[in-house]
């Protein structure tokens, strides 16, 4: 599945080193760990690159070995990381998770990280005159006051030739000492908004697509991801729904970022609402089928027929490891 596109996308947000147990059992007894890299916005950039969309990732990392690992990993997927700032005083963020098909408990070590030091000066690194889309998430404004100021400034500036997408990406631990009501303000300033119905219920009091549209009248496109049920797109006064694929879930973390990339890639090339929603489902499936945040791409001979299959064929499809 590819959506080759000459325009570019820039994704802005923190990426951290991730430690995952390399053996089964309770985390406090694990002695061997696998080091990986994870971050919502860089995940989206990686998926977009794999889908044929030129993408870059902008953030800040520490001048440390973890920062080098992050840059090497993200750039290794073909993502442009030339806009990343290396902070000489703040460290690269770290998080630890336990992989499980029923959810992944995560502990973050990101307070005072390099990315939390981002501010208005980072906007100049985005290359806004050269991209068609800027992708943001609700994680970044929770990192610090300067990150929130950066997000507000970017979303309030006049846009010439590019759109902004915003994925809610609710992380309750980050908002313990901050006011999450700002997320509605930021989301309503974006052109494309993606949110899971479960997280929207927690943040905005409803996961119902129609009610969410009333709360967020600003975005041209609103995507509500409804888990195993499917996803709804509200756009141009109309509502479109595509059921989710049946997938043997290995580990759910990262599926939302993959969905965003699939939907956005198909949107950039002007595909129909059905194809755009299905592209999101198919890319999410590639993440659900692996313990990594970014899994191996699904074969084209699987994805391409499903993108334009009749409703019965789509509904009966099942993807397995």
C-alpha atoms as a PDB file:
ATOM      1  CA  UNK A   1       0.000   0.000   0.000  1.00  0.00           C
ATOM      2  CA  UNK A   2       1.609   3.213  -1.163  1.00  0.00           C
ATOM      3  CA  UNK A   3       0.367   6.750  -1.711  1.00  0.00           C
ATOM      4  CA  UNK A   4       3.349   8.266  -3.509  1.00  0.00           C
ATOM      5  CA  UNK A   5       3.195  11.986  -2.973  1.00  0.00           C
ATOM      6  CA  UNK A   6       5.583  14.776  -3.941  1.00  0.00           C
ATOM      7  CA  UNK A   7       4.555  17.071  -1.083  1.00  0.00           C
ATOM      8  CA  UNK A   8       6.114  16.760   2.341  1.00  0.00           C
ATOM      9  CA  UNK A   9       4.892  16.203   5.874  1.00  0.00           C
ATOM     10  CA  UNK A  10       6.667  17.396   9.017  1.00  0.00           C
ATOM     11  CA  UNK A  11       5.878  15.798  12.383  1.00  0.00           C
ATOM     12  CA  UNK A  12       6.669  17.718  15.571  1.00  0.00           C
ATOM     13  CA  UNK A  13       6.943  16.082  18.981  1.00  0.00           C
ATOM     14  CA  UNK A  14       9.047  14.149  21.491  1.00  0.00           C
ATOM     15  CA  UNK A  15      10.625  10.758  20.811  1.00  0.00           C
ATOM     16  CA  UNK A  16      12.253   8.765  23.583  1.00  0.00           C
ATOM     17  CA  UNK A  17      14.300   5.670  24.111  1.00  0.00           C
ATOM     18  CA  UNK A  18      12.033   2.775  25.039  1.00  0.00           C
ATOM     19  CA  UNK A  19      13.000  -0.200  27.177  1.00  0.00           C
ATOM     20  CA  UNK A  20      10.956  -3.383  26.666  1.00  0.00           C
ATOM     21  CA  UNK A  21      11.405  -6.640  28.608  1.00  0.00           C
ATOM     22  CA  UNK A  22      13.245  -9.236  26.530  1.00  0.00           C
ATOM     23  CA  UNK A  23      11.927 -12.065  28.687  1.00  0.00           C
ATOM     24  CA  UNK A  24       8.543 -12.965  30.234  1.00  0.00           C
ATOM     25  CA  UNK A  25       7.567 -12.354  33.818  1.00  0.00           C
ATOM     26  CA  UNK A  26       6.957  -9.437  36.189  1.00  0.00           C
ATOM     27  CA  UNK A  27       8.940  -6.353  35.244  1.00  0.00           C
ATOM     28  CA  UNK A  28      10.741  -6.136  38.593  1.00  0.00           C
ATOM     29  CA  UNK A  29      12.223  -9.589  37.950  1.00  0.00           C
ATOM     30  CA  UNK A  30      13.306  -8.945  34.349  1.00  0.00           C
ATOM     31  CA  UNK A  31      17.082  -8.909  33.893  1.00  0.00           C
ATOM     32  CA  UNK A  32      17.301  -8.593  30.111  1.00  0.00           C
ATOM     33  CA  UNK A  33      15.840  -5.666  28.201  1.00  0.00           C
ATOM     34  CA  UNK A  34      15.415  -4.715  24.558  1.00  0.00           C
ATOM     35  CA  UNK A  35      16.142  -1.088  23.690  1.00  0.00           C
ATOM     36  CA  UNK A  36      13.924   0.532  21.098  1.00  0.00           C
ATOM     37  CA  UNK A  37      12.775   4.033  20.218  1.00  0.00           C
ATOM     38  CA  UNK A  38       9.253   5.379  20.436  1.00  0.00           C
ATOM     39  CA  UNK A  39       7.347   8.605  19.985  1.00  0.00           C
ATOM     40  CA  UNK A  40       3.912   9.307  18.550  1.00  0.00           C
ATOM     41  CA  UNK A  41       4.963  11.902  16.005  1.00  0.00           C
ATOM     42  CA  UNK A  42       8.103  10.130  14.783  1.00  0.00           C
ATOM     43  CA  UNK A  43       6.044   6.925  14.511  1.00  0.00           C
ATOM     44  CA  UNK A  44       3.707   8.767  12.168  1.00  0.00           C
ATOM     45  CA  UNK A  45       6.680  10.063  10.157  1.00  0.00           C
ATOM     46  CA  UNK A  46       8.086   6.545   9.797  1.00  0.00           C
ATOM     47  CA  UNK A  47       4.747   5.116   8.672  1.00  0.00           C
ATOM     48  CA  UNK A  48       4.283   7.953   6.188  1.00  0.00           C
ATOM     49  CA  UNK A  49       7.715   7.318   4.689  1.00  0.00           C
ATOM     50  CA  UNK A  50       6.869   3.650   4.269  1.00  0.00           C
ATOM     51  CA  UNK A  51       3.643   4.658   2.548  1.00  0.00           C
ATOM     52  CA  UNK A  52       5.493   6.749  -0.032  1.00  0.00           C
ATOM     53  CA  UNK A  53       5.107  10.179   1.562  1.00  0.00           C
ATOM     54  CA  UNK A  54       8.239  12.306   2.069  1.00  0.00           C
ATOM     55  CA  UNK A  55       8.366  13.048   5.782  1.00  0.00           C
ATOM     56  CA  UNK A  56      10.542  14.764   8.362  1.00  0.00           C
ATOM     57  CA  UNK A  57      10.547  14.760  12.138  1.00  0.00           C
ATOM     58  CA  UNK A  58      11.401  17.821  14.233  1.00  0.00           C
ATOM     59  CA  UNK A  59      12.105  17.683  17.963  1.00  0.00           C
ATOM     60  CA  UNK A  60      14.920  18.009  20.495  1.00  0.00           C
ATOM     61  CA  UNK A  61      17.108  15.248  21.938  1.00  0.00           C
ATOM     62  CA  UNK A  62      19.880  15.280  24.492  1.00  0.00           C
ATOM     63  CA  UNK A  63      23.560  15.359  23.623  1.00  0.00           C
ATOM     64  CA  UNK A  64      23.858  11.802  24.901  1.00  0.00           C
ATOM     65  CA  UNK A  65      23.980   8.222  23.684  1.00  0.00           C
ATOM     66  CA  UNK A  66      20.199   7.890  23.870  1.00  0.00           C
ATOM     67  CA  UNK A  67      19.851  10.974  21.663  1.00  0.00           C
ATOM     68  CA  UNK A  68      22.184   9.409  19.104  1.00  0.00           C
ATOM     69  CA  UNK A  69      20.120   6.215  19.238  1.00  0.00           C
ATOM     70  CA  UNK A  70      16.917   8.145  18.582  1.00  0.00           C
ATOM     71  CA  UNK A  71      18.374  10.029  15.610  1.00  0.00           C
ATOM     72  CA  UNK A  72      19.937   6.897  14.129  1.00  0.00           C
ATOM     73  CA  UNK A  73      16.755   4.886  14.485  1.00  0.00           C
ATOM     74  CA  UNK A  74      14.339   7.441  13.044  1.00  0.00           C
ATOM     75  CA  UNK A  75      16.639   8.456  10.187  1.00  0.00           C
ATOM     76  CA  UNK A  76      17.252   4.775   9.476  1.00  0.00           C
ATOM     77  CA  UNK A  77      13.652   4.509   8.310  1.00  0.00           C
ATOM     78  CA  UNK A  78      14.239   7.245   5.742  1.00  0.00           C
ATOM     79  CA  UNK A  79      12.815  10.123   7.772  1.00  0.00           C
ATOM     80  CA  UNK A  80      14.580  13.493   7.525  1.00  0.00           C
ATOM     81  CA  UNK A  81      15.863  14.445  11.005  1.00  0.00           C
ATOM     82  CA  UNK A  82      17.895  17.496  10.000  1.00  0.00           C
ATOM     83  CA  UNK A  83      15.518  19.787  11.913  1.00  0.00           C
ATOM     84  CA  UNK A  84      16.095  18.074  15.258  1.00  0.00           C
ATOM     85  CA  UNK A  85      17.878  20.170  17.876  1.00  0.00           C
ATOM     86  CA  UNK A  86      20.557  18.536  20.038  1.00  0.00           C
ATOM     87  CA  UNK A  87      20.279  20.044  23.516  1.00  0.00           C
ATOM     88  CA  UNK A  88      23.625  20.281  25.339  1.00  0.00           C
ATOM     89  CA  UNK A  89      22.131  20.367  28.839  1.00  0.00           C
ATOM     90  CA  UNK A  90      18.869  18.399  28.909  1.00  0.00           C
ATOM     91  CA  UNK A  91      18.693  14.587  28.548  1.00  0.00           C
ATOM     92  CA  UNK A  92      16.808  12.474  26.048  1.00  0.00           C
ATOM     93  CA  UNK A  93      13.536  11.142  27.487  1.00  0.00           C
ATOM     94  CA  UNK A  94      13.117   7.492  28.473  1.00  0.00           C
ATOM     95  CA  UNK A  95      10.159   5.187  29.014  1.00  0.00           C
ATOM     96  CA  UNK A  96       9.709   1.601  30.079  1.00  0.00           C
ATOM     97  CA  UNK A  97       6.829  -0.661  29.096  1.00  0.00           C
ATOM     98  CA  UNK A  98       5.677  -4.231  29.473  1.00  0.00           C
ATOM     99  CA  UNK A  99       4.301  -5.669  26.230  1.00  0.00           C
ATOM    100  CA  UNK A 100       0.934  -7.414  26.577  1.00  0.00           C
ATOM    101  CA  UNK A 101      -2.031  -8.075  24.267  1.00  0.00           C
ATOM    102  CA  UNK A 102      -4.277  -6.654  27.016  1.00  0.00           C
ATOM    103  CA  UNK A 103      -2.472  -3.321  27.249  1.00  0.00           C
ATOM    104  CA  UNK A 104       0.985  -2.053  28.077  1.00  0.00           C
ATOM    105  CA  UNK A 105       1.693  -0.421  31.435  1.00  0.00           C
ATOM    106  CA  UNK A 106       4.137   2.411  30.765  1.00  0.00           C
ATOM    107  CA  UNK A 107       6.383   4.430  33.083  1.00  0.00           C
ATOM    108  CA  UNK A 108       7.793   7.677  31.684  1.00  0.00           C
ATOM    109  CA  UNK A 109      11.047   9.415  32.617  1.00  0.00           C
ATOM    110  CA  UNK A 110      10.619  12.597  30.599  1.00  0.00           C
ATOM    111  CA  UNK A 111      10.406  15.467  33.100  1.00  0.00           C
ATOM    112  CA  UNK A 112      13.094  18.020  32.180  1.00  0.00           C
ATOM    113  CA  UNK A 113      13.838  16.236  28.909  1.00  0.00           C
ATOM    114  CA  UNK A 114      15.329  17.944  25.867  1.00  0.00           C
ATOM    115  CA  UNK A 115      11.979  17.934  24.116  1.00  0.00           C
ATOM    116  CA  UNK A 116      10.281  19.622  27.067  1.00  0.00           C
ATOM    117  CA  UNK A 117      12.619  22.558  26.426  1.00  0.00           C
ATOM    118  CA  UNK A 118      11.158  23.201  22.975  1.00  0.00           C
ATOM    119  CA  UNK A 119       9.614  26.626  22.417  1.00  0.00           C
ATOM    120  CA  UNK A 120       8.704  29.175  19.761  1.00  0.00           C
ATOM    121  CA  UNK A 121      12.150  28.949  18.142  1.00  0.00           C
ATOM    122  CA  UNK A 122      11.335  25.421  16.959  1.00  0.00           C
ATOM    123  CA  UNK A 123       8.739  26.704  14.502  1.00  0.00           C
ATOM    124  CA  UNK A 124      11.532  28.007  12.270  1.00  0.00           C
ATOM    125  CA  UNK A 125      12.827  24.422  11.975  1.00  0.00           C
ATOM    126  CA  UNK A 126       9.593  23.122  10.422  1.00  0.00           C
ATOM    127  CA  UNK A 127      10.163  24.369   6.887  1.00  0.00           C
ATOM    128  CA  UNK A 128       6.570  25.548   6.601  1.00  0.00           C
ATOM    129  CA  UNK A 129       7.088  26.892   3.100  1.00  0.00           C
ATOM    130  CA  UNK A 130       8.094  23.446   1.841  1.00  0.00           C
ATOM    131  CA  UNK A 131       5.490  21.096   3.341  1.00  0.00           C
ATOM    132  CA  UNK A 132       1.829  20.335   2.764  1.00  0.00           C
ATOM    133  CA  UNK A 133       1.044  19.037   6.215  1.00  0.00           C
ATOM    134  CA  UNK A 134       2.257  19.560   9.786  1.00  0.00           C
ATOM    135  CA  UNK A 135       1.345  16.765  12.181  1.00  0.00           C
ATOM    136  CA  UNK A 136       0.972  17.455  15.913  1.00  0.00           C
ATOM    137  CA  UNK A 137      -0.387  15.627  18.929  1.00  0.00           C
ATOM    138  CA  UNK A 138      -1.881  16.372  22.313  1.00  0.00           C
ATOM    139  CA  UNK A 139       1.240  15.037  24.008  1.00  0.00           C
ATOM    140  CA  UNK A 140       3.439  18.030  23.213  1.00  0.00           C
ATOM    141  CA  UNK A 141       1.452  20.797  24.969  1.00  0.00           C
ATOM    142  CA  UNK A 142       1.616  18.792  28.214  1.00  0.00           C
ATOM    143  CA  UNK A 143       5.421  18.722  28.280  1.00  0.00           C
ATOM    144  CA  UNK A 144       5.986  22.321  29.420  1.00  0.00           C
ATOM    145  CA  UNK A 145       4.685  25.879  29.243  1.00  0.00           C
ATOM    146  CA  UNK A 146       7.076  26.626  26.383  1.00  0.00           C
ATOM    147  CA  UNK A 147       5.792  23.614  24.421  1.00  0.00           C
ATOM    148  CA  UNK A 148       2.205  24.787  24.907  1.00  0.00           C
ATOM    149  CA  UNK A 149       3.162  28.292  23.731  1.00  0.00           C
ATOM    150  CA  UNK A 150       4.790  26.756  20.652  1.00  0.00           C
ATOM    151  CA  UNK A 151       1.669  24.775  19.823  1.00  0.00           C
ATOM    152  CA  UNK A 152      -0.628  27.762  20.261  1.00  0.00           C
ATOM    153  CA  UNK A 153       1.535  29.992  18.080  1.00  0.00           C
ATOM    154  CA  UNK A 154       1.793  27.402  15.325  1.00  0.00           C
ATOM    155  CA  UNK A 155      -1.941  26.681  15.258  1.00  0.00           C
ATOM    156  CA  UNK A 156      -2.925  30.367  15.351  1.00  0.00           C
ATOM    157  CA  UNK A 157      -0.608  31.503  12.561  1.00  0.00           C
ATOM    158  CA  UNK A 158      -2.097  32.044   9.093  1.00  0.00           C
ATOM    159  CA  UNK A 159      -1.515  28.958   6.941  1.00  0.00           C
ATOM    160  CA  UNK A 160      -0.328  29.328   3.375  1.00  0.00           C
ATOM    161  CA  UNK A 161      -0.138  26.112   1.381  1.00  0.00           C
ATOM    162  CA  UNK A 162      -0.180  23.633   4.263  1.00  0.00           C
ATOM    163  CA  UNK A 163      -2.626  22.002   6.643  1.00  0.00           C
ATOM    164  CA  UNK A 164      -2.241  20.955  10.273  1.00  0.00           C
ATOM    165  CA  UNK A 165      -3.366  17.616  11.658  1.00  0.00           C
ATOM    166  CA  UNK A 166      -3.805  17.005  15.385  1.00  0.00           C
ATOM    167  CA  UNK A 167      -4.051  13.614  17.086  1.00  0.00           C
ATOM    168  CA  UNK A 168      -5.472  13.799  20.620  1.00  0.00           C
ATOM    169  CA  UNK A 169      -3.108  11.097  21.976  1.00  0.00           C
ATOM    170  CA  UNK A 170      -4.360  11.407  25.545  1.00  0.00           C
ATOM    171  CA  UNK A 171      -1.678  10.684  28.165  1.00  0.00           C
ATOM    172  CA  UNK A 172      -3.317  11.274  31.578  1.00  0.00           C
ATOM    173  CA  UNK A 173      -0.063  11.054  33.535  1.00  0.00           C
ATOM    174  CA  UNK A 174       1.265  14.088  31.657  1.00  0.00           C
ATOM    175  CA  UNK A 175      -1.739  16.209  32.599  1.00  0.00           C
ATOM    176  CA  UNK A 176      -1.734  15.572  36.355  1.00  0.00           C
ATOM    177  CA  UNK A 177      -0.484  19.118  37.039  1.00  0.00           C
ATOM    178  CA  UNK A 178      -1.849  20.832  33.927  1.00  0.00           C
ATOM    179  CA  UNK A 179      -5.278  21.827  32.602  1.00  0.00           C
ATOM    180  CA  UNK A 180      -6.366  19.449  29.800  1.00  0.00           C
ATOM    181  CA  UNK A 181      -9.148  21.805  28.701  1.00  0.00           C
ATOM    182  CA  UNK A 182      -6.557  23.435  26.454  1.00  0.00           C
ATOM    183  CA  UNK A 183      -6.703  20.354  24.211  1.00  0.00           C
ATOM    184  CA  UNK A 184     -10.124  21.354  22.914  1.00  0.00           C
ATOM    185  CA  UNK A 185      -8.811  24.819  22.057  1.00  0.00           C
ATOM    186  CA  UNK A 186      -5.840  23.385  20.173  1.00  0.00           C
ATOM    187  CA  UNK A 187      -7.809  20.667  18.375  1.00  0.00           C
ATOM    188  CA  UNK A 188     -10.417  23.145  17.153  1.00  0.00           C
ATOM    189  CA  UNK A 189      -7.672  25.200  15.472  1.00  0.00           C
ATOM    190  CA  UNK A 190      -6.428  22.255  13.384  1.00  0.00           C
ATOM    191  CA  UNK A 191      -7.581  21.233   9.908  1.00  0.00           C
ATOM    192  CA  UNK A 192      -7.672  17.484  10.586  1.00  0.00           C
ATOM    193  CA  UNK A 193      -8.333  15.999  14.029  1.00  0.00           C
ATOM    194  CA  UNK A 194      -8.025  12.349  15.010  1.00  0.00           C
ATOM    195  CA  UNK A 195      -9.226  10.998  18.356  1.00  0.00           C
ATOM    196  CA  UNK A 196     -10.132   7.660  19.849  1.00  0.00           C
ATOM    197  CA  UNK A 197     -13.699   7.544  21.130  1.00  0.00           C
ATOM    198  CA  UNK A 198     -12.483   6.202  24.487  1.00  0.00           C
ATOM    199  CA  UNK A 199      -9.934   8.983  25.025  1.00  0.00           C
ATOM    200  CA  UNK A 200     -12.363  11.628  23.782  1.00  0.00           C
ATOM    201  CA  UNK A 201     -14.867  10.409  26.384  1.00  0.00           C
ATOM    202  CA  UNK A 202     -12.264  10.960  29.098  1.00  0.00           C
ATOM    203  CA  UNK A 203     -11.064  14.362  27.877  1.00  0.00           C
ATOM    204  CA  UNK A 204     -14.180  15.924  26.340  1.00  0.00           C
ATOM    205  CA  UNK A 205     -16.978  13.987  27.995  1.00  0.00           C
ATOM    206  CA  UNK A 206     -18.178  12.171  24.895  1.00  0.00           C
ATOM    207  CA  UNK A 207     -16.914   9.685  22.335  1.00  0.00           C
ATOM    208  CA  UNK A 208     -19.941  10.061  20.069  1.00  0.00           C
ATOM    209  CA  UNK A 209     -18.885  11.379  16.630  1.00  0.00           C
ATOM    210  CA  UNK A 210     -21.863  13.711  16.202  1.00  0.00           C
ATOM    211  CA  UNK A 211     -21.441  15.246  19.650  1.00  0.00           C
ATOM    212  CA  UNK A 212     -17.693  15.592  19.124  1.00  0.00           C
ATOM    213  CA  UNK A 213     -18.379  17.481  15.913  1.00  0.00           C
ATOM    214  CA  UNK A 214     -20.512  19.924  17.905  1.00  0.00           C
ATOM    215  CA  UNK A 215     -17.632  20.422  20.337  1.00  0.00           C
ATOM    216  CA  UNK A 216     -15.090  20.802  17.506  1.00  0.00           C
ATOM    217  CA  UNK A 217     -16.686  22.722  14.630  1.00  0.00           C
ATOM    218  CA  UNK A 218     -13.382  24.150  13.383  1.00  0.00           C
ATOM    219  CA  UNK A 219     -11.548  21.218  11.724  1.00  0.00           C
ATOM    220  CA  UNK A 220     -12.468  20.425   8.130  1.00  0.00           C
ATOM    221  CA  UNK A 221     -12.043  16.719   8.919  1.00  0.00           C
ATOM    222  CA  UNK A 222     -12.728  14.907  12.198  1.00  0.00           C
ATOM    223  CA  UNK A 223     -11.848  11.219  12.555  1.00  0.00           C
ATOM    224  CA  UNK A 224     -13.204   9.273  15.523  1.00  0.00           C
ATOM    225  CA  UNK A 225     -11.497   5.923  16.021  1.00  0.00           C
ATOM    226  CA  UNK A 226     -13.927   3.519  17.655  1.00  0.00           C
ATOM    227  CA  UNK A 227     -11.576   0.664  18.491  1.00  0.00           C
ATOM    228  CA  UNK A 228     -12.522  -2.769  17.201  1.00  0.00           C
ATOM    229  CA  UNK A 229     -15.807  -1.358  15.913  1.00  0.00           C
ATOM    230  CA  UNK A 230     -14.331   0.905  13.249  1.00  0.00           C
ATOM    231  CA  UNK A 231     -13.800   4.593  12.529  1.00  0.00           C
ATOM    232  CA  UNK A 232     -16.009   7.521  11.537  1.00  0.00           C
ATOM    233  CA  UNK A 233     -15.043  10.511   9.399  1.00  0.00           C
ATOM    234  CA  UNK A 234     -17.057  13.714   9.658  1.00  0.00           C
ATOM    235  CA  UNK A 235     -16.321  16.038   6.763  1.00  0.00           C
ATOM    236  CA  UNK A 236     -18.216  18.524   4.600  1.00  0.00           C
ATOM    237  CA  UNK A 237     -21.436  18.027   6.508  1.00  0.00           C
ATOM    238  CA  UNK A 238     -21.394  14.250   5.919  1.00  0.00           C
ATOM    239  CA  UNK A 239     -20.498  11.237   8.038  1.00  0.00           C
ATOM    240  CA  UNK A 240     -18.656   8.160   6.762  1.00  0.00           C
ATOM    241  CA  UNK A 241     -17.993   4.907   8.638  1.00  0.00           C
ATOM    242  CA  UNK A 242     -15.717   1.951   7.905  1.00  0.00           C
ATOM    243  CA  UNK A 243     -15.610  -1.119  10.174  1.00  0.00           C
ATOM    244  CA  UNK A 244     -12.269  -2.173  11.582  1.00  0.00           C
ATOM    245  CA  UNK A 245     -10.453  -5.232  10.304  1.00  0.00           C
ATOM    246  CA  UNK A 246     -10.348  -8.387  12.364  1.00  0.00           C
ATOM    247  CA  UNK A 247      -6.757  -8.666  13.587  1.00  0.00           C
ATOM    248  CA  UNK A 248      -4.903 -11.085  15.867  1.00  0.00           C
ATOM    249  CA  UNK A 249      -3.537  -8.459  18.260  1.00  0.00           C
ATOM    250  CA  UNK A 250      -0.003  -8.994  19.520  1.00  0.00           C
ATOM    251  CA  UNK A 251       0.345  -5.595  21.228  1.00  0.00           C
ATOM    252  CA  UNK A 252      -1.844  -2.490  20.826  1.00  0.00           C
ATOM    253  CA  UNK A 253       0.573   0.398  21.465  1.00  0.00           C
ATOM    254  CA  UNK A 254       1.401   2.297  18.286  1.00  0.00           C
ATOM    255  CA  UNK A 255      -1.765   1.391  16.384  1.00  0.00           C
ATOM    256  CA  UNK A 256      -3.183   4.894  16.734  1.00  0.00           C
ATOM    257  CA  UNK A 257      -0.093   6.483  15.195  1.00  0.00           C
ATOM    258  CA  UNK A 258      -0.183   3.962  12.364  1.00  0.00           C
ATOM    259  CA  UNK A 259      -3.862   4.716  11.756  1.00  0.00           C
ATOM    260  CA  UNK A 260      -3.130   8.437  11.584  1.00  0.00           C
ATOM    261  CA  UNK A 261      -0.397   7.887   9.002  1.00  0.00           C
ATOM    262  CA  UNK A 262      -2.546   5.676   6.796  1.00  0.00           C
ATOM    263  CA  UNK A 263      -5.445   8.098   6.876  1.00  0.00           C
ATOM    264  CA  UNK A 264      -3.257  11.147   6.260  1.00  0.00           C
ATOM    265  CA  UNK A 265      -1.305   9.530   3.419  1.00  0.00           C
ATOM    266  CA  UNK A 266      -4.521   8.667   1.591  1.00  0.00           C
ATOM    267  CA  UNK A 267      -5.924  12.126   2.332  1.00  0.00           C
ATOM    268  CA  UNK A 268      -2.917  13.893   0.814  1.00  0.00           C
ATOM    269  CA  UNK A 269      -3.483  12.208  -2.543  1.00  0.00           C
ATOM    270  CA  UNK A 270      -7.220  12.947  -2.530  1.00  0.00           C
ATOM    271  CA  UNK A 271      -8.617   9.462  -2.013  1.00  0.00           C
ATOM    272  CA  UNK A 272     -12.288   8.868  -1.207  1.00  0.00           C
ATOM    273  CA  UNK A 273     -13.477   8.820   2.427  1.00  0.00           C
ATOM    274  CA  UNK A 274     -13.807   5.016   2.306  1.00  0.00           C
ATOM    275  CA  UNK A 275     -10.255   4.473   1.075  1.00  0.00           C
ATOM    276  CA  UNK A 276      -8.857   6.979   3.573  1.00  0.00           C
ATOM    277  CA  UNK A 277     -10.534   5.256   6.516  1.00  0.00           C
ATOM    278  CA  UNK A 278      -9.496   1.801   5.259  1.00  0.00           C
ATOM    279  CA  UNK A 279      -5.911   2.943   4.753  1.00  0.00           C
ATOM    280  CA  UNK A 280      -5.903   3.894   8.418  1.00  0.00           C
ATOM    281  CA  UNK A 281      -7.259   0.503   9.442  1.00  0.00           C
ATOM    282  CA  UNK A 282      -4.728  -1.369   7.307  1.00  0.00           C
ATOM    283  CA  UNK A 283      -1.762   0.586   8.601  1.00  0.00           C
ATOM    284  CA  UNK A 284      -2.989   0.153  12.176  1.00  0.00           C
ATOM    285  CA  UNK A 285      -3.120  -3.593  11.566  1.00  0.00           C
ATOM    286  CA  UNK A 286       0.599  -3.609  10.751  1.00  0.00           C
ATOM    287  CA  UNK A 287       1.271  -2.212  14.238  1.00  0.00           C
ATOM    288  CA  UNK A 288      -1.200  -4.494  16.012  1.00  0.00           C
ATOM    289  CA  UNK A 289       0.525  -7.554  14.572  1.00  0.00           C
ATOM    290  CA  UNK A 290       3.853  -6.807  16.283  1.00  0.00           C
ATOM    291  CA  UNK A 291       5.221  -5.901  19.712  1.00  0.00           C
ATOM    292  CA  UNK A 292       7.089  -2.949  18.158  1.00  0.00           C
ATOM    293  CA  UNK A 293       5.531   0.510  17.827  1.00  0.00           C
ATOM    294  CA  UNK A 294       6.258   0.348  14.097  1.00  0.00           C
ATOM    295  CA  UNK A 295       5.787  -3.097  12.609  1.00  0.00           C
ATOM    296  CA  UNK A 296       6.708  -4.520   9.235  1.00  0.00           C
ATOM    297  CA  UNK A 297       4.527  -3.244   6.376  1.00  0.00           C
ATOM    298  CA  UNK A 298       1.719  -5.514   5.245  1.00  0.00           C
ATOM    299  CA  UNK A 299       2.258  -7.023   1.765  1.00  0.00           C
ATOM    300  CA  UNK A 300       0.832  -5.016  -1.130  1.00  0.00           C
ATOM    301  CA  UNK A 301      -1.008  -8.081  -2.412  1.00  0.00           C
ATOM    302  CA  UNK A 302      -2.958  -8.006   0.859  1.00  0.00           C
ATOM    303  CA  UNK A 303      -3.539  -4.282   1.263  1.00  0.00           C
ATOM    304  CA  UNK A 304      -4.212  -3.108  -2.289  1.00  0.00           C
ATOM    305  CA  UNK A 305      -7.222  -5.390  -2.984  1.00  0.00           C
ATOM    306  CA  UNK A 306      -8.703  -4.644   0.440  1.00  0.00           C
ATOM    307  CA  UNK A 307      -8.536  -0.884  -0.026  1.00  0.00           C
ATOM    308  CA  UNK A 308     -11.168  -1.029  -2.762  1.00  0.00           C
ATOM    309  CA  UNK A 309     -12.914  -4.285  -1.892  1.00  0.00           C
ATOM    310  CA  UNK A 310     -16.684  -4.513  -1.653  1.00  0.00           C
ATOM    311  CA  UNK A 311     -18.115  -4.117   1.866  1.00  0.00           C
ATOM    312  CA  UNK A 312     -18.686  -7.854   2.318  1.00  0.00           C
ATOM    313  CA  UNK A 313     -15.097  -8.759   1.419  1.00  0.00           C
ATOM    314  CA  UNK A 314     -13.738  -6.057   3.702  1.00  0.00           C
ATOM    315  CA  UNK A 315     -15.951  -7.122   6.604  1.00  0.00           C
ATOM    316  CA  UNK A 316     -14.940 -10.780   6.283  1.00  0.00           C
ATOM    317  CA  UNK A 317     -11.166 -10.167   6.075  1.00  0.00           C
ATOM    318  CA  UNK A 318      -8.975 -11.308   8.939  1.00  0.00           C
ATOM    319  CA  UNK A 319      -5.271 -10.573   9.360  1.00  0.00           C
ATOM    320  CA  UNK A 320      -3.075 -12.972  11.329  1.00  0.00           C
ATOM    321  CA  UNK A 321       0.563 -13.066  12.426  1.00  0.00           C
END
